[in-house]
């Protein structure tokens, strides 16, 4: 179920290659498969040893489920004005969130997790920063190692991007060739 959920999310989040409309049916299906992957792998077992939890990638399964369900529900309410559908998705997201918060890996040591929208992958890569301030960086130059590099090399990065944009259709081609939800 995990490969299916990741494929649905990564490659079919959009309705098509030339639109920025979210494919709601695919998003909902991806959430259903993430739930199945959590169940199948034992990631909903609060007694699962922490080492096994991480070895089975339970933390990633939970995070993706939370991020996708919360964002899908927000999109349905704010962009599509589908309040009935948004209510269903956001209610399920809130229920998933409560179940996730029962898992030892998502205890108080993992930082402020007050709502499904507080979930981010940053906690895996920068755990001290997330515990200290949450998923949004207050001082990116200090808290995110690559930020200082990007700032220092802005002109080079900008020049390379402008060269790509200057070549007719190249950016559109690259965008279509690599497009996914991330």
Protein backbone atom coordinates (compact mmCIF):
# COMPACT_ATOMS: atom_id res chain seq x y z
CA UNK A 1 0.00 0.00 0.00
CA UNK A 2 2.90 2.41 0.66
CA UNK A 3 4.26 2.36 -2.91
CA UNK A 4 0.77 2.94 -4.27
CA UNK A 5 0.08 5.83 -1.90
CA UNK A 6 3.43 7.48 -2.65
CA UNK A 7 2.94 7.04 -6.41
CA UNK A 8 -0.56 8.48 -6.30
CA UNK A 9 0.62 11.46 -4.30
CA UNK A 10 3.88 12.08 -6.15
CA UNK A 11 2.74 11.60 -9.74
CA UNK A 12 -1.02 12.08 -9.79
CA UNK A 13 -1.64 14.91 -7.30
CA UNK A 14 -2.47 17.25 -10.20
CA UNK A 15 -5.39 16.66 -12.57
CA UNK A 16 -3.01 16.76 -15.53
CA UNK A 17 0.35 17.99 -16.80
CA UNK A 18 -0.93 21.42 -17.82
CA UNK A 19 -3.06 22.32 -14.82
CA UNK A 20 -2.50 23.31 -11.23
CA UNK A 21 -5.80 21.81 -10.11
CA UNK A 22 -5.46 19.20 -7.39
CA UNK A 23 -6.89 15.79 -8.25
CA UNK A 24 -9.18 15.36 -5.24
CA UNK A 25 -10.15 11.75 -5.99
CA UNK A 26 -6.49 10.75 -6.23
CA UNK A 27 -5.65 12.65 -3.04
CA UNK A 28 -8.38 10.85 -1.14
CA UNK A 29 -7.28 7.51 -2.56
CA UNK A 30 -3.66 8.23 -1.56
CA UNK A 31 -4.84 8.92 2.01
CA UNK A 32 -6.77 5.63 2.08
CA UNK A 33 -3.67 3.73 0.93
CA UNK A 34 -1.48 5.50 3.53
CA UNK A 35 -3.91 4.34 6.22
CA UNK A 36 -3.75 0.78 4.85
CA UNK A 37 0.06 0.94 4.84
CA UNK A 38 0.05 2.07 8.48
CA UNK A 39 -2.27 -0.77 9.44
CA UNK A 40 -0.43 -3.44 7.44
CA UNK A 41 3.01 -2.46 8.75
CA UNK A 42 1.90 -2.31 12.38
CA UNK A 43 2.53 1.42 12.57
CA UNK A 44 -0.71 2.04 14.47
CA UNK A 45 0.44 -0.16 17.35
CA UNK A 46 1.30 2.14 20.28
CA UNK A 47 3.34 -0.72 21.76
CA UNK A 48 5.64 -0.98 18.73
CA UNK A 49 9.25 -0.53 19.79
CA UNK A 50 10.66 2.82 18.71
CA UNK A 51 13.45 1.20 16.70
CA UNK A 52 10.91 -0.90 14.79
CA UNK A 53 8.73 2.17 14.30
CA UNK A 54 11.57 3.97 12.50
CA UNK A 55 12.83 0.88 10.66
CA UNK A 56 9.36 0.40 9.19
CA UNK A 57 9.28 4.08 8.20
CA UNK A 58 6.19 4.61 10.30
CA UNK A 59 7.19 8.21 11.00
CA UNK A 60 7.17 8.97 7.27
CA UNK A 61 3.91 7.12 6.64
CA UNK A 62 2.22 9.14 9.39
CA UNK A 63 3.70 12.45 8.26
CA UNK A 64 2.68 12.02 4.64
CA UNK A 65 -0.83 10.97 5.65
CA UNK A 66 -1.14 14.05 7.85
CA UNK A 67 0.29 16.51 5.34
CA UNK A 68 -1.77 15.20 2.42
CA UNK A 69 -5.07 14.88 4.29
CA UNK A 70 -4.74 18.32 5.92
CA UNK A 71 -3.76 20.05 2.68
CA UNK A 72 -6.40 18.22 0.65
CA UNK A 73 -9.11 19.23 3.13
CA UNK A 74 -7.92 22.84 3.11
CA UNK A 75 -7.88 22.87 -0.69
CA UNK A 76 -11.40 21.44 -0.88
CA UNK A 77 -12.73 24.09 1.51
CA UNK A 78 -10.81 27.16 0.36
CA UNK A 79 -10.41 26.58 -3.38
CA UNK A 80 -13.29 24.30 -4.35
CA UNK A 81 -15.82 25.49 -1.73
CA UNK A 82 -16.80 21.84 -1.25
CA UNK A 83 -17.63 22.15 2.43
CA UNK A 84 -19.20 18.70 2.73
CA UNK A 85 -16.21 16.94 1.17
CA UNK A 86 -13.74 19.16 3.05
CA UNK A 87 -15.49 18.39 6.31
CA UNK A 88 -15.16 14.64 5.69
CA UNK A 89 -11.47 14.89 4.81
CA UNK A 90 -10.62 17.28 7.67
CA UNK A 91 -12.55 15.19 10.19
CA UNK A 92 -10.61 12.10 9.07
CA UNK A 93 -7.38 14.12 9.24
CA UNK A 94 -8.17 15.18 12.81
CA UNK A 95 -8.87 11.56 13.75
CA UNK A 96 -5.60 10.42 12.16
CA UNK A 97 -3.82 13.20 14.03
CA UNK A 98 -5.22 12.05 17.38
CA UNK A 99 -4.16 8.47 16.65
CA UNK A 100 -0.69 9.63 15.56
CA UNK A 101 -0.23 11.68 18.75
CA UNK A 102 -0.68 8.45 20.74
CA UNK A 103 2.43 7.00 19.15
CA UNK A 104 5.55 7.29 21.35
CA UNK A 105 7.58 8.71 18.45
CA UNK A 106 5.27 11.74 18.32
CA UNK A 107 5.38 12.55 22.02
CA UNK A 108 6.27 15.92 23.56
CA UNK A 109 9.96 15.46 22.66
CA UNK A 110 9.08 15.75 18.96
CA UNK A 111 8.16 19.41 19.20
CA UNK A 112 4.94 21.37 19.08
CA UNK A 113 2.32 19.32 17.25
CA UNK A 114 -0.93 21.17 17.82
CA UNK A 115 -2.72 20.38 14.56
CA UNK A 116 -2.30 18.33 11.39
CA UNK A 117 -0.92 21.43 9.64
CA UNK A 118 1.98 21.50 12.13
CA UNK A 119 3.43 18.34 10.58
CA UNK A 120 6.56 18.69 8.48
CA UNK A 121 9.43 16.54 7.29
CA UNK A 122 11.80 19.08 8.83
CA UNK A 123 11.63 17.18 12.12
CA UNK A 124 13.55 14.29 10.59
CA UNK A 125 16.35 16.44 9.26
CA UNK A 126 16.48 19.30 11.79
CA UNK A 127 14.92 17.87 14.97
CA UNK A 128 16.43 20.38 17.40
CA UNK A 129 15.11 23.33 15.40
CA UNK A 130 11.62 21.86 15.12
CA UNK A 131 11.44 21.08 18.84
CA UNK A 132 12.60 24.61 19.60
CA UNK A 133 10.33 26.51 17.23
CA UNK A 134 7.97 24.29 15.25
CA UNK A 135 7.94 23.48 11.53
CA UNK A 136 8.49 27.06 10.27
CA UNK A 137 12.00 28.48 10.55
CA UNK A 138 12.34 31.78 12.41
CA UNK A 139 15.93 32.34 11.28
CA UNK A 140 16.61 30.24 8.17
CA UNK A 141 20.22 31.40 7.82
CA UNK A 142 20.93 30.01 11.28
CA UNK A 143 18.53 27.06 11.38
CA UNK A 144 18.74 25.62 7.85
CA UNK A 145 22.28 24.79 6.75
CA UNK A 146 21.66 25.12 3.01
CA UNK A 147 20.07 28.58 3.36
CA UNK A 148 23.42 30.31 3.95
CA UNK A 149 24.90 28.53 0.92
CA UNK A 150 22.00 29.60 -1.29
CA UNK A 151 22.27 33.20 -0.09
CA UNK A 152 26.02 33.25 -0.73
CA UNK A 153 25.57 31.79 -4.24
CA UNK A 154 22.44 33.65 -5.25
CA UNK A 155 23.94 35.29 -8.33
CA UNK A 156 25.23 31.99 -9.74
CA UNK A 157 21.92 30.20 -9.14
CA UNK A 158 20.00 33.13 -10.63
CA UNK A 159 22.23 33.28 -13.73
CA UNK A 160 21.77 29.55 -14.37
CA UNK A 161 18.00 29.79 -13.93
CA UNK A 162 17.78 32.82 -16.24
CA UNK A 163 19.73 30.88 -18.90
CA UNK A 164 17.19 28.05 -18.67
CA UNK A 165 14.28 30.49 -18.85
CA UNK A 166 15.80 32.32 -21.82
CA UNK A 167 15.79 29.18 -23.94
CA UNK A 168 12.29 28.96 -25.38
CA UNK A 169 10.19 26.08 -23.99
CA UNK A 170 13.11 24.61 -22.01
CA UNK A 171 11.63 25.39 -18.59
CA UNK A 172 8.22 24.05 -19.65
CA UNK A 173 9.89 20.86 -20.91
CA UNK A 174 11.87 20.39 -17.67
CA UNK A 175 8.77 21.12 -15.59
CA UNK A 176 6.70 18.51 -17.47
CA UNK A 177 9.52 15.95 -17.29
CA UNK A 178 9.98 16.19 -13.53
CA UNK A 179 6.56 17.25 -12.27
CA UNK A 180 5.26 15.63 -9.14
CA UNK A 181 3.54 16.85 -5.99
CA UNK A 182 6.73 17.62 -4.15
